[in-house]
N, C-alpha and C. Protein backbone atom coordinates (compact mmCIF):
# COMPACT_ATOMS: atom_id res chain seq x y z
N MET A 1 -16.95 17.91 -6.15
CA MET A 1 -16.04 17.71 -5.19
C MET A 1 -14.81 17.96 -5.10
N HIS A 2 -13.86 18.40 -4.72
CA HIS A 2 -12.33 18.22 -5.35
C HIS A 2 -11.51 17.60 -3.88
N PHE A 3 -10.92 16.15 -4.29
CA PHE A 3 -10.21 15.46 -2.93
C PHE A 3 -9.07 14.86 -3.43
N LYS A 4 -8.29 14.42 -2.66
CA LYS A 4 -6.96 13.93 -3.51
C LYS A 4 -6.76 12.97 -2.54
N GLY A 5 -5.65 11.51 -3.08
CA GLY A 5 -5.67 10.72 -2.19
C GLY A 5 -4.63 10.84 -0.71
N LYS A 6 -4.35 11.75 -0.78
CA LYS A 6 -3.54 12.51 0.75
C LYS A 6 -4.75 12.77 1.58
N ASP A 7 -5.80 13.39 1.39
CA ASP A 7 -6.70 13.36 2.22
C ASP A 7 -6.95 12.73 3.14
N ALA A 8 -7.33 10.77 2.23
CA ALA A 8 -7.83 9.83 3.12
C ALA A 8 -6.26 9.51 4.10
N VAL A 9 -5.05 9.60 3.23
CA VAL A 9 -3.91 9.34 4.61
C VAL A 9 -4.07 9.93 5.51
N ASP A 10 -3.81 11.59 5.12
CA ASP A 10 -3.96 12.30 6.46
C ASP A 10 -5.14 12.18 7.77
N SER A 11 -6.00 12.17 7.17
CA SER A 11 -7.06 11.55 8.32
C SER A 11 -6.77 10.53 8.85
N TRP A 12 -6.29 9.60 8.35
CA TRP A 12 -6.02 8.15 9.13
C TRP A 12 -4.62 8.44 9.78
N TYR A 13 -3.71 9.49 9.16
CA TYR A 13 -2.41 9.24 10.06
C TYR A 13 -2.38 10.34 11.26
N SER A 14 -3.37 11.28 11.27
CA SER A 14 -4.07 12.10 12.34
C SER A 14 -4.22 11.12 13.89
N GLU A 15 -4.25 10.52 13.89
CA GLU A 15 -4.94 9.35 15.27
C GLU A 15 -3.17 9.41 15.79
N ILE A 16 -2.32 10.23 15.29
CA ILE A 16 -0.74 9.76 15.71
C ILE A 16 -1.10 10.52 17.19
N LYS A 17 -1.52 11.76 17.39
CA LYS A 17 -1.94 12.45 18.61
C LYS A 17 -2.58 12.18 19.39
N ASP A 18 -3.26 10.29 19.62
CA ASP A 18 -3.79 9.60 20.69
C ASP A 18 -3.19 8.06 20.94
N TYR A 19 -2.03 8.05 19.75
CA TYR A 19 -1.25 7.38 20.30
C TYR A 19 0.15 7.16 21.05
N HIS A 20 0.06 6.30 21.84
CA HIS A 20 1.31 6.16 23.16
C HIS A 20 2.86 5.27 22.81
N PHE A 21 3.50 5.99 22.56
CA PHE A 21 4.76 4.92 22.26
C PHE A 21 5.19 4.95 23.41
N ASN A 22 5.26 5.20 23.85
CA ASN A 22 5.50 4.86 25.76
C ASN A 22 4.75 3.27 26.37
N LYS A 23 3.57 3.24 25.78
CA LYS A 23 2.71 2.01 25.61
C LYS A 23 2.11 1.64 24.94
N PRO A 24 2.95 0.92 23.57
CA PRO A 24 2.44 0.43 22.38
C PRO A 24 1.67 -0.76 22.80
N GLY A 25 0.04 -0.47 21.42
CA GLY A 25 -0.45 -1.48 21.43
C GLY A 25 -1.74 -1.26 20.48
N PHE A 26 -2.69 -2.18 20.65
CA PHE A 26 -3.67 -1.90 19.47
C PHE A 26 -4.87 -0.78 20.40
N SER A 27 -5.52 -0.15 20.17
CA SER A 27 -6.48 0.53 20.23
C SER A 27 -7.47 1.55 18.85
N SER A 28 -8.95 1.05 19.42
CA SER A 28 -9.36 1.47 18.25
C SER A 28 -9.68 2.74 17.54
N GLY A 29 -8.96 3.66 18.73
CA GLY A 29 -8.61 5.03 17.76
C GLY A 29 -7.43 5.39 17.42
N THR A 30 -6.83 4.79 17.55
CA THR A 30 -5.24 4.61 16.85
C THR A 30 -5.08 3.56 15.72
N GLY A 31 -6.27 2.90 15.56
CA GLY A 31 -6.18 1.66 14.20
C GLY A 31 -5.62 2.08 12.81
N HIS A 32 -6.22 2.99 12.80
CA HIS A 32 -6.22 3.65 10.76
C HIS A 32 -4.14 4.03 10.75
N PHE A 33 -3.58 4.85 12.02
CA PHE A 33 -2.52 5.06 12.32
C PHE A 33 -1.34 4.12 12.24
N THR A 34 -1.26 3.50 12.85
CA THR A 34 -1.05 1.92 13.00
C THR A 34 -0.97 1.04 11.78
N GLN A 35 -1.58 0.98 10.85
CA GLN A 35 -1.87 0.43 9.84
C GLN A 35 -1.13 1.42 8.80
N VAL A 36 -1.35 2.25 8.71
CA VAL A 36 -0.44 3.42 7.46
C VAL A 36 1.03 2.86 7.76
N VAL A 37 1.51 3.23 9.15
CA VAL A 37 2.93 3.29 9.24
C VAL A 37 3.65 1.85 9.57
N TRP A 38 2.80 0.66 9.53
CA TRP A 38 3.29 -0.34 10.25
C TRP A 38 4.21 -1.19 9.23
N LYS A 39 5.35 -1.44 10.18
CA LYS A 39 7.08 -1.35 9.08
C LYS A 39 7.13 -2.70 8.21
N ASP A 40 5.93 -3.79 8.86
CA ASP A 40 6.16 -4.69 8.18
C ASP A 40 5.44 -4.96 6.92
N CYS A 41 4.98 -4.26 6.30
CA CYS A 41 3.21 -4.34 5.49
C CYS A 41 4.63 -3.82 4.40
N SER A 42 4.08 -4.38 2.62
CA SER A 42 5.06 -4.03 1.51
C SER A 42 4.34 -3.76 0.19
N GLU A 43 3.04 -4.16 0.62
CA GLU A 43 1.99 -3.55 -0.12
C GLU A 43 1.01 -2.91 -0.14
N VAL A 44 0.06 -2.39 -0.99
CA VAL A 44 -1.20 -1.36 -0.61
C VAL A 44 -1.71 -1.36 -1.94
N GLY A 45 -2.93 -1.41 -1.86
CA GLY A 45 -3.97 -1.27 -3.13
C GLY A 45 -5.22 -0.19 -2.22
N VAL A 46 -5.86 0.82 -3.54
CA VAL A 46 -6.67 1.82 -2.77
C VAL A 46 -7.48 1.63 -3.78
N GLY A 47 -8.86 1.94 -3.63
CA GLY A 47 -9.84 1.94 -4.36
C GLY A 47 -10.43 3.48 -3.66
N LEU A 48 -11.44 3.93 -5.34
CA LEU A 48 -12.05 5.10 -4.73
C LEU A 48 -13.21 4.59 -5.71
N ALA A 49 -14.73 5.09 -4.93
CA ALA A 49 -15.71 5.30 -5.94
C ALA A 49 -16.08 6.70 -5.33
N THR A 50 -17.17 7.69 -5.89
CA THR A 50 -17.41 8.97 -5.89
C THR A 50 -19.05 8.85 -6.73
N ASP A 51 -19.95 9.27 -5.97
CA ASP A 51 -20.97 10.30 -7.05
C ASP A 51 -21.36 11.70 -7.65
N GLY A 52 -19.95 12.03 -6.88
CA GLY A 52 -19.76 13.60 -6.87
C GLY A 52 -20.42 14.34 -5.56
N GLN A 53 -20.94 13.38 -4.97
CA GLN A 53 -21.31 14.31 -3.52
C GLN A 53 -20.69 13.35 -2.29
N THR A 54 -20.68 11.74 -2.68
CA THR A 54 -20.01 11.29 -1.49
C THR A 54 -18.93 10.53 -2.07
N ILE A 55 -18.25 10.19 -1.32
CA ILE A 55 -16.51 9.72 -1.41
C ILE A 55 -16.57 8.67 -0.47
N PHE A 56 -16.18 7.78 -1.52
CA PHE A 56 -15.19 6.38 -0.47
C PHE A 56 -13.87 5.99 -0.79
N VAL A 57 -13.23 6.20 0.12
CA VAL A 57 -11.83 5.44 0.14
C VAL A 57 -11.13 4.15 0.41
N VAL A 58 -11.04 3.14 0.15
CA VAL A 58 -10.49 2.12 0.68
C VAL A 58 -8.80 1.65 0.53
N GLY A 59 -8.12 1.53 1.59
CA GLY A 59 -6.90 0.96 1.50
C GLY A 59 -6.64 -0.11 1.99
N GLN A 60 -6.35 -1.18 1.40
CA GLN A 60 -5.70 -2.55 1.75
C GLN A 60 -4.49 -2.86 1.97
N TYR A 61 -3.37 -3.92 2.95
CA TYR A 61 -2.59 -3.52 3.13
C TYR A 61 -2.14 -5.17 3.19
N HIS A 62 -1.33 -5.40 2.82
CA HIS A 62 -0.09 -6.86 2.68
C HIS A 62 1.26 -6.48 3.05
N PRO A 63 1.51 -7.32 4.22
CA PRO A 63 0.46 -8.02 4.73
C PRO A 63 0.07 -7.23 6.08
N ALA A 64 -0.91 -7.57 6.65
CA ALA A 64 -1.75 -7.02 7.30
C ALA A 64 -1.13 -6.17 8.58
N GLY A 65 -1.43 -5.25 8.92
CA GLY A 65 -1.04 -4.55 10.09
C GLY A 65 -2.15 -4.86 11.16
N ASN A 66 -1.36 -4.40 12.11
CA ASN A 66 -2.43 -4.83 14.12
C ASN A 66 -2.21 -5.57 14.42
N MET A 67 -1.11 -6.46 13.93
CA MET A 67 -1.07 -7.78 14.64
C MET A 67 -0.90 -7.67 15.99
N CYS A 68 -0.99 -8.42 17.23
CA CYS A 68 -1.11 -8.55 18.14
C CYS A 68 -0.46 -9.20 19.35
N ASN A 69 -0.16 -9.94 18.23
CA ASN A 69 1.45 -10.61 18.89
C ASN A 69 2.43 -10.19 20.36
N ALA A 70 2.57 -10.57 21.23
CA ALA A 70 3.68 -9.94 21.89
C ALA A 70 5.04 -9.48 20.63
N GLY A 71 5.22 -8.28 21.05
CA GLY A 71 6.50 -7.30 20.78
C GLY A 71 6.09 -6.98 19.23
N TYR A 72 5.00 -7.52 18.73
CA TYR A 72 4.49 -6.36 17.25
C TYR A 72 4.43 -5.22 17.08
N PHE A 73 3.67 -4.59 17.87
CA PHE A 73 3.34 -2.71 18.02
C PHE A 73 4.41 -2.64 18.38
N GLU A 74 6.03 -2.63 19.17
CA GLU A 74 7.14 -1.93 19.45
C GLU A 74 7.79 -2.21 18.22
N LYS A 75 7.56 -3.42 17.09
CA LYS A 75 8.90 -3.81 16.12
C LYS A 75 8.18 -3.09 15.17
N ASN A 76 6.82 -2.62 14.86
CA ASN A 76 6.22 -2.15 13.83
C ASN A 76 5.59 -1.07 13.82
N VAL A 77 5.63 0.05 14.97
CA VAL A 77 4.80 0.98 14.98
C VAL A 77 5.96 1.89 16.06
N LEU A 78 6.81 2.33 14.67
CA LEU A 78 8.07 3.40 15.56
C LEU A 78 7.66 4.79 15.35
N PRO A 79 8.60 5.30 16.40
CA PRO A 79 8.56 6.87 16.82
C PRO A 79 9.26 7.65 15.31
N LEU A 80 8.57 9.03 15.87
CA LEU A 80 8.79 9.89 14.27
C LEU A 80 10.36 9.76 14.22
N GLY A 81 11.01 10.25 13.47
CA GLY A 81 12.63 9.93 13.57
C GLY A 81 13.41 8.19 13.15
N SER A 82 12.36 7.44 13.39
CA SER A 82 13.25 6.15 13.69
C SER A 82 13.85 6.01 12.13
N SER A 83 15.18 5.48 12.43
CA SER A 83 16.18 4.86 10.73
C SER A 83 15.16 3.91 10.03
N THR A 84 15.24 3.35 8.48
CA THR A 84 14.88 2.40 8.31
C THR A 84 15.38 1.40 7.83
N SER A 85 15.22 0.29 8.62
CA SER A 85 15.78 -1.25 8.31
C SER A 85 14.85 -2.19 7.66
N ARG A 86 15.01 -3.21 7.48
CA ARG A 86 14.14 -4.49 7.33
C ARG A 86 14.83 -5.47 8.37
N ALA A 87 13.66 -5.89 8.40
CA ALA A 87 14.20 -7.50 9.43
C ALA A 87 13.41 -8.35 8.90
N PRO A 88 13.81 -9.50 9.17
CA PRO A 88 12.95 -11.28 8.77
C PRO A 88 11.44 -10.72 9.41
N LYS A 89 10.22 -10.90 8.59
CA LYS A 89 9.27 -10.65 9.03
C LYS A 89 8.48 -12.14 9.27
N CYS A 90 8.00 -12.15 10.23
CA CYS A 90 7.10 -13.34 11.13
C CYS A 90 5.33 -12.90 11.18
N PHE A 91 4.62 -13.40 11.08
CA PHE A 91 3.33 -13.18 11.20
C PHE A 91 2.73 -14.51 11.84
N PRO A 92 1.62 -14.15 12.28
CA PRO A 92 0.91 -15.38 13.07
C PRO A 92 0.34 -16.22 12.37
N THR A 93 0.26 -17.89 12.70
CA THR A 93 -0.14 -18.83 12.07
C THR A 93 -1.88 -18.68 11.92
N ALA A 94 -2.22 -18.95 11.26
CA ALA A 94 -4.36 -18.48 10.69
C ALA A 94 -4.40 -19.45 12.13
N GLY A 95 -5.45 -18.96 13.08
CA GLY A 95 -6.47 -19.56 13.89
C GLY A 95 -5.64 -19.61 15.15
N GLU A 96 -4.21 -19.64 15.08
CA GLU A 96 -3.39 -19.82 16.46
C GLU A 96 -3.03 -18.25 17.18
N GLY A 97 -2.41 -18.50 18.42
CA GLY A 97 -2.23 -17.14 18.96
C GLY A 97 -1.16 -17.43 19.53
N GLY A 98 -1.02 -16.67 20.52
CA GLY A 98 0.33 -16.60 21.75
C GLY A 98 1.38 -16.55 21.46
N GLY A 99 1.21 -15.60 20.08
CA GLY A 99 3.40 -15.55 19.85
C GLY A 99 3.35 -16.51 18.90
N LEU A 100 3.01 -17.78 18.42
CA LEU A 100 3.39 -18.16 17.41
C LEU A 100 3.11 -17.64 16.16
N SER A 101 4.70 -17.86 15.47
CA SER A 101 4.43 -17.08 13.97
C SER A 101 5.27 -18.02 12.64
N VAL A 102 4.92 -17.50 11.72
CA VAL A 102 5.73 -18.34 10.98
C VAL A 102 6.36 -17.29 9.51
N PRO A 103 7.72 -17.48 8.74
CA PRO A 103 8.18 -16.69 8.03
C PRO A 103 7.49 -16.22 7.17
N GLN A 104 7.27 -15.00 6.49
CA GLN A 104 6.85 -14.66 5.57
C GLN A 104 6.62 -15.15 4.32
N SER A 105 7.76 -15.60 3.68
CA SER A 105 8.03 -16.87 2.76
C SER A 105 6.96 -18.12 2.55
N LYS A 106 6.40 -18.55 4.09
CA LYS A 106 5.54 -19.43 3.79
C LYS A 106 3.86 -18.96 3.70
N ILE A 107 3.67 -17.89 3.89
CA ILE A 107 2.16 -17.58 3.58
C ILE A 107 2.00 -16.63 2.06
N ALA A 108 1.42 -17.68 1.64
CA ALA A 108 0.66 -17.56 0.02
C ALA A 108 -0.44 -16.40 0.14
N ARG A 109 -0.10 -15.63 -0.91
CA ARG A 109 -0.88 -14.74 -1.12
C ARG A 109 -2.06 -14.90 -2.37
N SER A 110 -3.24 -14.94 -2.42
CA SER A 110 -3.83 -15.42 -3.50
C SER A 110 -3.36 -14.60 -4.73
N SER A 111 -3.51 -14.70 -5.63
CA SER A 111 -3.13 -13.76 -6.91
C SER A 111 -4.87 -13.67 -7.96
N SER A 112 -4.69 -12.81 -8.35
CA SER A 112 -5.85 -12.76 -9.08
C SER A 112 -5.58 -11.17 -10.15
N PRO A 113 -6.55 -11.49 -11.29
CA PRO A 113 -5.97 -10.84 -12.70
C PRO A 113 -5.43 -9.45 -12.64
N ALA A 114 -4.49 -8.70 -13.34
CA ALA A 114 -4.46 -7.48 -13.16
C ALA A 114 -5.14 -6.63 -13.49
N TYR A 115 -5.28 -5.68 -12.51
CA TYR A 115 -6.04 -4.74 -12.32
C TYR A 115 -5.48 -3.06 -12.79
N LYS A 116 -6.55 -2.75 -13.28
CA LYS A 116 -6.01 -1.54 -14.84
C LYS A 116 -6.99 -0.36 -13.80
N ALA A 117 -6.39 0.53 -13.41
CA ALA A 117 -7.25 1.72 -12.99
C ALA A 117 -8.09 1.93 -14.18
N PRO A 118 -9.55 2.24 -13.94
CA PRO A 118 -10.14 3.08 -15.40
C PRO A 118 -9.57 4.71 -15.32
N PRO A 119 -9.64 5.31 -16.53
CA PRO A 119 -8.96 6.59 -16.79
C PRO A 119 -9.64 7.68 -15.65
N GLN A 120 -11.28 7.57 -15.01
CA GLN A 120 -11.77 8.68 -14.76
C GLN A 120 -12.80 7.57 -13.77
N ALA A 121 -13.09 8.09 -12.73
CA ALA A 121 -14.02 8.16 -12.10
C ALA A 121 -15.30 9.38 -11.53
N ASN A 122 -16.44 9.24 -12.16
CA ASN A 122 -16.82 10.42 -11.65
C ASN A 122 -16.56 11.70 -12.01
N GLY A 123 -15.35 11.85 -13.02
CA GLY A 123 -14.66 12.89 -13.22
C GLY A 123 -12.86 12.94 -12.76
N THR A 124 -13.18 11.99 -11.46
CA THR A 124 -11.78 11.92 -11.16
C THR A 124 -10.59 11.10 -11.61
N ASP A 125 -9.41 11.93 -12.52
CA ASP A 125 -7.98 10.50 -12.79
C ASP A 125 -7.50 9.33 -11.37
N LEU A 126 -8.42 8.31 -11.45
CA LEU A 126 -7.81 7.20 -10.89
C LEU A 126 -6.85 7.31 -10.64
N GLY A 127 -5.56 7.13 -11.92
CA GLY A 127 -4.43 7.01 -12.05
C GLY A 127 -3.45 7.81 -11.28
N GLN A 128 -4.03 9.04 -11.06
CA GLN A 128 -3.30 10.46 -10.31
C GLN A 128 -3.61 10.17 -9.19
N PHE A 129 -4.99 9.57 -9.03
CA PHE A 129 -5.48 9.56 -7.27
C PHE A 129 -4.91 7.84 -6.64
N HIS A 130 -4.22 7.72 -7.52
CA HIS A 130 -3.55 6.15 -6.80
C HIS A 130 -2.35 6.79 -6.19
N ARG A 131 -1.04 7.56 -7.44
CA ARG A 131 -0.04 7.75 -7.14
C ARG A 131 -0.27 8.82 -5.86
N ASP A 132 -1.29 9.79 -5.66
CA ASP A 132 -1.15 10.72 -4.70
C ASP A 132 -1.27 9.90 -3.29
N PHE A 133 -2.30 9.01 -3.47
CA PHE A 133 -2.30 8.00 -2.33
C PHE A 133 -0.93 7.45 -1.82
N LEU A 134 -0.15 7.01 -3.00
CA LEU A 134 0.42 5.94 -2.71
C LEU A 134 2.42 6.98 -2.52
N ARG A 135 2.15 8.04 -2.61
CA ARG A 135 3.14 9.02 -2.30
C ARG A 135 2.81 9.54 -1.20
N ALA A 136 1.56 10.05 -0.58
CA ALA A 136 1.12 10.25 1.09
C ALA A 136 1.44 9.09 2.23
N CYS A 137 1.45 7.59 1.97
CA CYS A 137 1.55 6.84 2.69
C CYS A 137 3.07 6.55 2.74
N ASN A 138 3.65 6.63 1.86
CA ASN A 138 5.23 6.54 2.20
C ASN A 138 5.88 7.64 2.40
N ASN A 139 5.16 8.88 2.34
CA ASN A 139 6.05 10.06 3.07
C ASN A 139 5.67 9.97 4.81
N GLN A 140 4.47 9.67 5.14
CA GLN A 140 4.50 9.15 6.57
C GLN A 140 5.15 8.03 6.74
N ARG A 141 5.42 7.00 6.47
CA ARG A 141 5.77 5.81 6.41
C ARG A 141 7.76 5.93 6.66
N MET A 142 8.06 6.97 6.08
CA MET A 142 9.33 7.40 5.94
C MET A 142 9.69 8.23 7.46
N ALA A 143 9.00 8.77 7.74
CA ALA A 143 8.87 9.70 9.26
C ALA A 143 9.40 8.82 10.01
N HIS A 144 8.65 7.77 10.15
CA HIS A 144 8.61 6.56 10.81
C HIS A 144 9.74 5.48 10.90
N GLY A 145 10.50 5.65 9.54
CA GLY A 145 11.17 4.39 9.71
C GLY A 145 10.89 3.05 9.07
N ALA A 146 9.93 3.33 8.50
CA ALA A 146 9.28 2.16 7.73
C ALA A 146 9.29 2.56 5.97
N PRO A 147 9.72 1.04 5.33
CA PRO A 147 9.77 1.39 4.19
C PRO A 147 8.99 1.59 3.22
N ALA A 148 9.26 2.04 2.30
CA ALA A 148 8.24 2.50 0.99
C ALA A 148 7.21 1.42 0.78
N LEU A 149 6.06 1.23 0.58
CA LEU A 149 5.48 0.67 -0.30
C LEU A 149 4.97 0.45 -1.57
N THR A 150 4.95 -0.60 -1.82
CA THR A 150 4.85 -0.52 -3.70
C THR A 150 3.06 -1.07 -4.07
N LEU A 151 2.29 -0.10 -4.99
CA LEU A 151 1.09 -0.25 -5.24
C LEU A 151 0.73 -1.60 -5.93
N ASP A 152 0.05 -2.38 -5.66
CA ASP A 152 -0.27 -3.58 -5.71
C ASP A 152 -1.84 -3.57 -6.48
N PRO A 153 -1.75 -4.59 -7.53
CA PRO A 153 -2.67 -4.47 -8.65
C PRO A 153 -4.23 -5.09 -8.07
N ALA A 154 -3.53 -6.76 -7.41
CA ALA A 154 -4.55 -7.09 -7.00
C ALA A 154 -5.66 -6.87 -5.90
N LEU A 155 -4.50 -6.18 -4.73
CA LEU A 155 -5.13 -5.54 -3.55
C LEU A 155 -6.02 -4.23 -3.97
N SER A 156 -5.71 -3.38 -5.36
CA SER A 156 -6.53 -2.12 -5.80
C SER A 156 -7.93 -3.12 -6.45
N GLN A 157 -7.95 -4.06 -7.23
CA GLN A 157 -8.88 -4.44 -7.28
C GLN A 157 -10.24 -4.80 -6.28
N GLY A 158 -9.45 -5.67 -5.08
CA GLY A 158 -10.61 -5.75 -4.17
C GLY A 158 -10.62 -4.15 -3.61
N ALA A 159 -9.38 -3.95 -3.04
CA ALA A 159 -10.17 -2.19 -2.84
C ALA A 159 -11.31 -1.40 -3.13
N GLN A 160 -11.07 -1.56 -4.54
CA GLN A 160 -12.01 -0.70 -5.85
C GLN A 160 -13.54 -1.10 -5.48
N ALA A 161 -13.58 -2.41 -5.61
CA ALA A 161 -15.12 -3.17 -5.33
C ALA A 161 -15.51 -2.96 -4.48
N TRP A 162 -14.35 -2.80 -3.35
CA TRP A 162 -15.49 -2.55 -1.49
C TRP A 162 -15.71 -1.52 -2.06
N ALA A 163 -14.98 -0.25 -2.49
CA ALA A 163 -15.25 1.21 -2.38
C ALA A 163 -16.81 1.41 -3.28
N GLU A 164 -16.69 0.65 -4.57
CA GLU A 164 -18.25 0.83 -4.61
C GLU A 164 -19.05 0.24 -4.22
N THR A 165 -18.91 -0.89 -3.58
CA THR A 165 -20.12 -1.50 -2.73
C THR A 165 -20.60 -0.42 -1.51
N LEU A 166 -19.69 0.14 -0.86
CA LEU A 166 -19.71 0.70 0.15
C LEU A 166 -20.85 2.29 -0.83
N LEU A 167 -20.67 2.74 -1.85
CA LEU A 167 -20.97 3.33 -2.36
C LEU A 167 -22.69 3.42 -2.49
N GLY A 168 -22.44 1.99 -2.89
CA GLY A 168 -23.92 1.71 -3.39
C GLY A 168 -24.62 1.33 -2.14
N GLU A 169 -24.29 0.99 -1.28
CA GLU A 169 -24.93 0.98 -0.02
C GLU A 169 -25.15 1.74 1.05
N ARG A 170 -24.27 2.80 0.51
CA ARG A 170 -24.15 3.89 1.22
C ARG A 170 -24.21 3.21 2.92
N VAL A 171 -23.07 2.43 3.14
CA VAL A 171 -23.23 2.22 4.71
C VAL A 171 -21.43 2.03 4.93
N LEU A 172 -20.66 2.45 6.00
CA LEU A 172 -18.76 2.37 6.28
C LEU A 172 -18.91 0.99 6.82
N LYS A 173 -18.41 0.16 6.46
CA LYS A 173 -18.12 -0.90 7.20
C LYS A 173 -16.99 -1.52 6.48
N ASN A 174 -16.59 -2.35 7.21
CA ASN A 174 -15.18 -3.61 6.77
C ASN A 174 -15.56 -4.22 5.76
N SER A 175 -14.88 -4.95 5.02
CA SER A 175 -14.91 -5.89 4.28
C SER A 175 -14.34 -7.23 5.08
N SER A 176 -14.34 -8.17 4.25
CA SER A 176 -14.19 -9.67 4.92
C SER A 176 -12.58 -10.26 4.31
N SER A 177 -12.11 -9.21 3.60
CA SER A 177 -10.47 -9.54 3.17
C SER A 177 -9.65 -9.82 4.42
N PRO A 178 -9.03 -10.65 4.19
CA PRO A 178 -8.21 -10.92 5.46
C PRO A 178 -6.80 -9.75 5.15
N HIS A 179 -6.84 -9.38 4.31
CA HIS A 179 -6.15 -8.19 4.45
C HIS A 179 -5.78 -6.43 5.46
N GLY A 180 -5.17 -5.97 5.66
CA GLY A 180 -5.25 -5.05 6.84
C GLY A 180 -5.98 -3.71 5.59
N GLU A 181 -6.95 -3.52 6.55
CA GLU A 181 -8.01 -2.17 6.09
C GLU A 181 -8.47 -1.16 6.63
N ASN A 182 -8.09 0.36 5.63
CA ASN A 182 -8.47 1.21 6.53
C ASN A 182 -9.67 1.81 5.53
N ILE A 183 -11.02 2.48 5.97
CA ILE A 183 -11.84 2.78 5.10
C ILE A 183 -12.08 4.42 5.14
N TRP A 184 -12.08 5.45 4.44
CA TRP A 184 -12.27 7.00 4.76
C TRP A 184 -13.42 7.44 4.13
N ALA A 185 -14.80 8.24 4.12
CA ALA A 185 -15.58 8.61 3.50
C ALA A 185 -15.99 10.19 3.97
N LYS A 186 -16.33 10.39 3.10
CA LYS A 186 -16.75 12.29 3.56
C LYS A 186 -18.19 12.12 2.06
N THR A 187 -18.78 13.42 2.67
CA THR A 187 -20.30 13.42 2.08
C THR A 187 -20.18 14.68 1.99
N GLY A 188 -21.23 15.53 1.16
CA GLY A 188 -21.66 16.91 1.36
C GLY A 188 -23.05 16.89 1.75
N SER A 189 -24.05 16.01 1.60
CA SER A 189 -25.43 15.57 2.29
C SER A 189 -24.80 14.21 3.44
N ALA A 190 -26.56 14.41 4.02
CA ALA A 190 -26.92 13.11 5.15
C ALA A 190 -27.00 11.59 4.31
N GLY A 191 -26.64 10.59 5.12
CA GLY A 191 -27.06 9.44 4.50
C GLY A 191 -26.03 8.52 4.35
N ILE A 192 -24.90 8.69 5.06
CA ILE A 192 -24.07 7.68 5.15
C ILE A 192 -24.71 7.39 6.61
N THR A 193 -24.79 5.57 6.80
CA THR A 193 -24.82 5.04 7.92
C THR A 193 -23.10 4.59 8.29
N ALA A 194 -22.71 5.01 9.04
CA ALA A 194 -21.34 4.72 9.70
C ALA A 194 -21.77 3.63 10.82
N THR A 195 -20.89 2.39 10.60
CA THR A 195 -20.05 1.43 11.65
C THR A 195 -19.39 1.13 12.41
N GLY A 196 -18.47 2.48 12.26
CA GLY A 196 -17.05 2.29 12.33
C GLY A 196 -17.09 3.66 13.33
N ARG A 197 -15.99 4.61 13.29
CA ARG A 197 -16.09 5.61 13.95
C ARG A 197 -15.93 6.73 13.15
N GLU A 198 -16.35 7.93 13.95
CA GLU A 198 -16.52 9.37 12.96
C GLU A 198 -15.47 10.13 13.46
N ASN A 199 -15.25 11.12 12.83
CA ASN A 199 -13.77 11.98 12.36
C ASN A 199 -14.71 12.87 11.89
N GLN A 200 -14.99 13.69 13.31
CA GLN A 200 -15.49 15.11 12.36
C GLN A 200 -14.68 16.00 12.07
N GLU A 201 -13.95 16.01 11.99
CA GLU A 201 -13.17 17.12 11.27
C GLU A 201 -12.70 16.77 9.58
N ASP A 202 -12.26 15.29 9.46
CA ASP A 202 -12.33 15.24 8.10
C ASP A 202 -12.90 13.88 7.21
N GLY A 203 -14.00 13.52 8.13
CA GLY A 203 -15.08 12.91 6.93
C GLY A 203 -14.92 11.52 7.93
N TRP A 204 -15.58 10.24 7.87
CA TRP A 204 -15.76 9.18 8.45
C TRP A 204 -14.57 8.54 7.96
N SER A 205 -14.18 7.56 9.18
CA SER A 205 -13.61 6.61 9.32
C SER A 205 -13.63 5.36 9.53
N ALA A 206 -13.10 3.68 9.08
CA ALA A 206 -13.56 2.93 9.60
C ALA A 206 -12.13 1.61 9.45
N GLY A 207 -11.86 0.79 10.31
CA GLY A 207 -10.70 0.38 9.86
C GLY A 207 -10.69 -0.88 10.52
N THR A 208 -9.78 -1.77 10.21
CA THR A 208 -10.11 -3.40 10.94
C THR A 208 -9.84 -3.91 12.04
N GLY A 209 -9.02 -2.66 12.78
CA GLY A 209 -8.73 -3.19 14.16
C GLY A 209 -7.84 -4.52 13.96
N ILE A 210 -8.05 -5.10 15.02
CA ILE A 210 -6.79 -6.76 14.73
C ILE A 210 -7.72 -7.41 13.63
N SER A 211 -6.15 -7.43 12.93
CA SER A 211 -6.23 -8.22 11.57
C SER A 211 -5.80 -9.93 11.70
N GLN A 212 -6.91 -10.62 11.13
CA GLN A 212 -6.90 -12.01 11.36
C GLN A 212 -6.21 -12.58 10.12
């Protein structure tokens, strides 16, 4: 089964056709797209698990996108052709709403041992897959004026572990990760139970929706 990191990113990004920039906000039908181009995200991790017939791809993003505080979608999901610029980042205080925010510097992300991708996963070069995934993400982000992401080993470790869990359980669902999360799966045979939404053309996808 031939596939590239770009396949998952393109599937998520295709939701742009249903996003209304003149009425910005979260929708379950566009949450993968908005997470990919969310301007204030700076790091991404990716995991891939396959048995040769079924593929699971997990992307985890930090800081999480799809925050529904007032004005966040306007500032973070920009139309095609927007210029790239950096602005001070603020994120909701855990457990609070109503637009309350704190600077990014005050939010700590737990660290974990450096993750090194194994050279292959059932015949797939994971290093090349990671590079292709990151390039696809950043090409789409650049088109929307969002800065390039960096590939984070700790995020990739968590994403890889969850992708392997999904393959073992053959179910499509989000993890309990505090990070933004997109999931994509494709199979040449029946047997995946989808708890997210189905994309008939490109596989199956699930997204965190509102990140908390």
